[in-house]
Amino acid sequence: MTQPAYLRIADELRRQIVDGRLGPGDRVPSRHQLARDHGVSDRVAVEAVRLLVSEGYVESRSGSGTYVRQRPTVKRLTRSWYRAHGRADSPFRADMEAQGRAGTWRSSSETSTATPAVAERLGVAEGDPVMRTRYTFLADEQPVMLSTSWEPLALTRGTPVMLPESGPYAGAGVVARMRAIEQTVTLASEIVTARAILADEADELGEPMGAIVMVIQRTYSGDHPVETADIVVPVDRYELEYVIPVD
């Protein structure tokens, strides 16, 4: 199948940006120049540029033109079982400390019921009560990633850790919190996928619509699952490094 002209033009510009032939701050050829160079109408050229704007590769400046967007410096997010198992503090805060940045977060918790997907991950019945907590993680006060976690209320209701960010264990990692109610976490499993960003995520993270995010589906378990979470990470800010112990 022949590729539409605007996709072909967008792909050529995208390759130039990825290869560094067009660097941050460089001006993208005008729609008239693109139309002339590729033998298409101005409308087709405009569609190609609009696609790159939606993907976050370029930005339009009123009265000036379209320029390659300055991308954030990519940081490394370490998924380390050694550190997660041994610390009472948050793994995210530890990552930020290692980068010389201040790691903080905003959160809100509410009781909810397990959706089919969450129920399967937690090993509970659909509709069972869970504590849902939404997080916005910040590095030096700038939002860098999001997370939504679910914990079975059958396990935590009435305990000091029922509200993840309130009480004597506020700010501690899941492993330390569960240890406080005699639940030993022995396994952390993660499934990593990628998708286009959602509108509310783009607004919260300051990312353009069309940006790509990694989604880490993480589940902590002992004798049974104790917490599961969806962690949303913009691909233009972080790369993932997995540190896995080998016996």
Protein backbone atom coordinates (compact mmCIF):
# COMPACT_ATOMS: atom_id res chain seq x y z
CA MET A 1 0.00 0.00 0.00
CA THR A 2 1.32 3.44 -0.96
CA GLN A 3 2.06 5.63 2.04
CA PRO A 4 0.12 8.94 2.11
CA ALA A 5 2.31 11.88 1.09
CA TYR A 6 1.99 13.72 4.41
CA LEU A 7 3.19 10.62 6.32
CA ARG A 8 6.16 10.27 3.98
CA ILE A 9 7.13 13.92 4.50
CA ALA A 10 6.67 13.66 8.26
CA ASP A 11 8.81 10.52 8.36
CA GLU A 12 11.63 12.23 6.45
CA LEU A 13 11.60 15.19 8.84
CA ARG A 14 11.39 12.85 11.82
CA ARG A 15 14.45 10.97 10.59
CA GLN A 16 16.39 14.21 10.20
CA ILE A 17 15.54 15.15 13.80
CA VAL A 18 16.39 11.72 15.21
CA ASP A 19 19.66 11.62 13.23
CA GLY A 20 20.61 15.11 14.40
CA ARG A 21 20.57 16.69 10.95
CA LEU A 22 17.90 19.00 12.38
CA GLY A 23 18.87 19.89 15.94
CA PRO A 24 16.96 21.54 18.80
CA GLY A 25 16.04 25.10 17.86
CA ASP A 26 16.57 24.57 14.12
CA ARG A 27 13.84 25.91 11.89
CA VAL A 28 11.84 23.37 9.93
CA PRO A 29 11.38 24.19 6.22
CA SER A 30 8.23 26.23 5.57
CA ARG A 31 5.11 24.59 4.19
CA HIS A 32 5.78 26.27 0.83
CA GLN A 33 9.31 24.86 0.70
CA LEU A 34 8.14 21.40 1.77
CA ALA A 35 5.38 21.47 -0.85
CA ARG A 36 7.86 22.49 -3.54
CA ASP A 37 10.53 19.97 -2.51
CA HIS A 38 8.09 17.05 -2.36
CA GLY A 39 5.77 18.01 -5.19
CA VAL A 40 2.64 18.23 -3.02
CA SER A 41 0.09 20.88 -2.10
CA ASP A 42 0.54 23.28 0.79
CA ARG A 43 -2.28 21.48 2.59
CA VAL A 44 -0.38 18.18 2.51
CA ALA A 45 2.77 19.88 3.82
CA VAL A 46 0.77 21.46 6.65
CA GLU A 47 -0.62 18.05 7.63
CA ALA A 48 2.91 16.63 7.82
CA VAL A 49 4.07 19.42 10.14
CA ARG A 50 0.93 19.16 12.29
CA LEU A 51 1.66 15.48 12.83
CA LEU A 52 5.16 16.26 14.08
CA VAL A 53 3.76 18.96 16.39
CA SER A 54 1.31 16.44 17.87
CA GLU A 55 4.16 13.96 18.41
CA GLY A 56 6.26 16.58 20.21
CA TYR A 57 9.11 16.70 17.69
CA VAL A 58 8.54 20.31 16.67
CA GLU A 59 6.74 23.41 17.97
CA SER A 60 5.09 26.27 16.11
CA ARG A 61 5.91 29.86 17.07
CA SER A 62 3.35 32.43 16.05
CA GLY A 63 4.63 34.72 13.31
CA SER A 64 8.01 32.98 13.20
CA GLY A 65 7.69 29.43 11.92
CA THR A 66 8.15 25.87 13.16
CA TYR A 67 11.21 24.75 15.09
CA VAL A 68 12.66 21.50 16.39
CA ARG A 69 11.59 21.14 20.01
CA GLN A 70 14.19 21.18 22.75
CA ARG A 71 13.90 17.74 24.32
CA PRO A 72 14.54 17.15 28.03
CA THR A 73 17.81 15.50 28.97
CA VAL A 74 17.17 11.77 29.26
CA LYS A 75 17.76 10.44 32.79
CA ARG A 76 18.15 6.84 33.86
CA LEU A 77 15.50 5.25 36.04
CA THR A 78 16.99 2.23 37.81
CA ARG A 79 14.68 -0.66 38.64
CA SER A 80 16.85 -2.33 41.30
CA TRP A 81 15.56 -5.21 43.41
CA TYR A 82 18.60 -4.90 45.70
CA ARG A 83 17.68 -1.32 46.60
CA ALA A 84 13.91 -1.78 46.71
CA HIS A 85 14.26 -4.75 49.07
CA GLY A 86 16.71 -3.14 51.45
CA ARG A 87 15.46 0.43 51.87
CA ALA A 88 12.67 1.76 54.03
CA ASP A 89 12.61 4.88 51.86
CA SER A 90 11.00 5.41 48.45
CA PRO A 91 12.92 3.92 45.47
CA PHE A 92 11.98 7.04 43.47
CA ARG A 93 13.55 9.33 46.06
CA ALA A 94 16.66 7.15 45.99
CA ASP A 95 16.89 7.48 42.20
CA MET A 96 16.59 11.24 42.40
CA GLU A 97 19.23 11.44 45.15
CA ALA A 98 21.60 9.47 42.92
CA GLN A 99 21.05 12.10 40.19
CA GLY A 100 21.55 15.03 42.58
CA ARG A 101 17.89 16.02 42.34
CA ALA A 102 15.14 16.45 44.93
CA GLY A 103 12.53 13.73 44.55
CA THR A 104 9.06 14.50 45.91
CA TRP A 105 5.48 13.63 45.01
CA ARG A 106 1.85 14.60 45.28
CA SER A 107 -0.75 11.96 46.00
CA SER A 108 -4.42 11.36 46.69
CA SER A 109 -6.03 8.15 47.94
CA GLU A 110 -9.60 6.89 47.80
CA THR A 111 -11.45 3.64 48.31
CA SER A 112 -12.55 2.02 45.09
CA THR A 113 -13.39 -1.38 43.64
CA ALA A 114 -11.18 -3.69 41.62
CA THR A 115 -11.69 -3.58 37.86
CA PRO A 116 -11.30 -6.90 36.00
CA ALA A 117 -7.67 -6.08 35.12
CA VAL A 118 -6.76 -4.96 38.65
CA ALA A 119 -8.58 -7.94 40.19
CA GLU A 120 -6.55 -10.34 38.05
CA ARG A 121 -3.28 -8.68 39.01
CA LEU A 122 -4.11 -8.65 42.74
CA GLY A 123 -5.64 -12.12 42.79
CA VAL A 124 -8.96 -10.83 44.16
CA ALA A 125 -12.51 -10.87 42.85
CA GLU A 126 -13.79 -8.20 40.49
CA GLY A 127 -15.54 -5.52 42.57
CA ASP A 128 -13.57 -6.26 45.76
CA PRO A 129 -12.65 -3.11 47.72
CA VAL A 130 -9.21 -1.61 47.05
CA MET A 131 -7.33 1.52 48.05
CA ARG A 132 -6.48 3.47 44.90
CA THR A 133 -3.72 6.07 45.13
CA ARG A 134 -2.74 8.44 42.34
CA TYR A 135 0.74 9.93 42.37
CA THR A 136 2.51 12.72 40.50
CA PHE A 137 6.26 12.35 40.98
CA LEU A 138 8.42 15.47 40.80
CA ALA A 139 12.14 16.07 40.33
CA ASP A 140 13.20 19.53 41.51
CA GLU A 141 9.47 20.45 41.58
CA GLN A 142 8.90 19.44 37.93
CA PRO A 143 6.47 16.57 37.14
CA VAL A 144 8.38 13.66 35.62
CA MET A 145 6.12 10.60 35.92
CA LEU A 146 2.75 9.39 37.14
CA SER A 147 1.52 6.32 38.95
CA THR A 148 -1.76 4.77 40.03
CA SER A 149 -1.56 2.00 42.62
CA TRP A 150 -4.11 -0.41 44.05
CA GLU A 151 -3.90 -2.33 47.33
CA PRO A 152 -6.48 -4.86 48.57
CA LEU A 153 -8.41 -3.44 51.51
CA ALA A 154 -8.96 -6.96 52.82
CA LEU A 155 -5.25 -6.84 53.63
CA THR A 156 -4.75 -3.27 54.84
CA ARG A 157 -8.10 -2.09 56.25
CA GLY A 158 -7.75 -0.97 59.87
CA THR A 159 -3.94 -1.12 59.82
CA PRO A 160 -1.45 1.79 60.10
CA VAL A 161 -0.64 1.42 56.36
CA MET A 162 -4.18 1.53 54.96
CA LEU A 163 -3.52 5.03 53.58
CA PRO A 164 -0.17 4.79 51.75
CA GLU A 165 0.75 8.45 52.28
CA SER A 166 -0.67 9.03 55.76
CA GLY A 167 0.28 7.75 59.21
CA PRO A 168 3.56 6.49 60.63
CA TYR A 169 4.72 4.87 57.37
CA ALA A 170 3.93 7.74 55.01
CA GLY A 171 6.57 8.05 52.31
CA ALA A 172 8.01 4.59 52.85
CA GLY A 173 8.17 2.14 49.97
CA VAL A 174 5.67 -0.68 49.54
CA VAL A 175 8.14 -3.30 50.83
CA ALA A 176 8.69 -1.45 54.12
CA ARG A 177 4.99 -0.66 54.58
CA MET A 178 3.94 -4.25 54.06
CA ARG A 179 6.66 -5.47 56.41
CA ALA A 180 5.03 -3.31 59.11
CA ILE A 181 1.88 -5.46 58.91
CA GLU A 182 3.86 -8.71 58.72
CA GLN A 183 3.55 -9.12 54.96
CA THR A 184 6.91 -10.09 53.47
CA VAL A 185 7.41 -9.08 49.85
CA THR A 186 9.57 -11.59 48.00
CA LEU A 187 8.84 -10.80 44.36
CA ALA A 188 8.45 -7.70 42.21
CA SER A 189 7.23 -8.35 38.67
CA GLU A 190 7.03 -5.73 35.94
CA ILE A 191 5.55 -5.68 32.45
CA VAL A 192 6.71 -2.77 30.28
CA THR A 193 4.62 -1.54 27.35
CA ALA A 194 4.35 1.72 25.39
CA ARG A 195 1.42 3.75 24.13
CA ALA A 196 0.36 7.28 23.17
CA ILE A 197 -0.11 9.65 26.08
CA LEU A 198 -3.64 10.35 27.35
CA ALA A 199 -5.00 13.89 27.56
CA ASP A 200 -4.97 14.14 31.37
CA GLU A 201 -1.44 12.69 31.47
CA ALA A 202 -0.20 15.19 28.88
CA ASP A 203 -1.68 18.04 30.91
CA GLU A 204 -0.14 16.83 34.17
CA LEU A 205 3.31 16.14 32.70
CA GLY A 206 3.48 19.10 30.31
CA GLU A 207 3.89 16.75 27.33
CA PRO A 208 2.34 17.27 23.89
CA MET A 209 -0.55 15.12 22.73
CA GLY A 210 0.89 12.34 20.58
CA ALA A 211 3.91 11.86 22.86
CA ILE A 212 4.80 8.27 23.72
CA VAL A 213 4.95 6.98 27.28
CA MET A 214 6.21 3.76 28.80
CA VAL A 215 3.75 2.03 31.12
CA ILE A 216 5.29 -0.19 33.80
CA GLN A 217 2.72 -2.60 35.24
CA ARG A 218 4.37 -3.48 38.56
CA THR A 219 3.08 -5.98 41.10
CA TYR A 220 4.60 -6.69 44.53
CA SER A 221 3.88 -10.15 45.96
CA GLY A 222 4.69 -12.40 48.89
CA ASP A 223 2.42 -15.31 49.58
CA HIS A 224 -0.05 -13.32 47.45
CA PRO A 225 -0.05 -9.95 45.65
CA VAL A 226 -0.06 -6.97 48.02
CA GLU A 227 0.06 -4.05 45.57
CA THR A 228 -0.12 -3.40 41.85
CA ALA A 229 0.53 -0.16 40.00
CA ASP A 230 0.63 1.46 36.57
CA ILE A 231 3.66 3.76 36.32
CA VAL A 232 3.62 6.19 33.39
CA VAL A 233 7.03 7.44 32.21
CA PRO A 234 7.59 9.81 29.24
CA VAL A 235 10.14 8.24 26.88
CA ASP A 236 11.82 11.58 26.24
CA ARG A 237 12.75 11.93 29.93
CA TYR A 238 13.81 8.50 31.10
CA GLU A 239 15.40 5.29 30.00
CA LEU A 240 14.95 2.18 32.16
CA GLU A 241 17.83 0.19 33.61
CA TYR A 242 17.05 -3.14 35.27
CA VAL A 243 19.47 -4.43 37.92
CA ILE A 244 18.72 -8.15 38.43
CA PRO A 245 20.47 -10.32 41.01
CA VAL A 246 21.92 -13.59 39.73
CA ASP A 247 22.59 -16.50 42.10
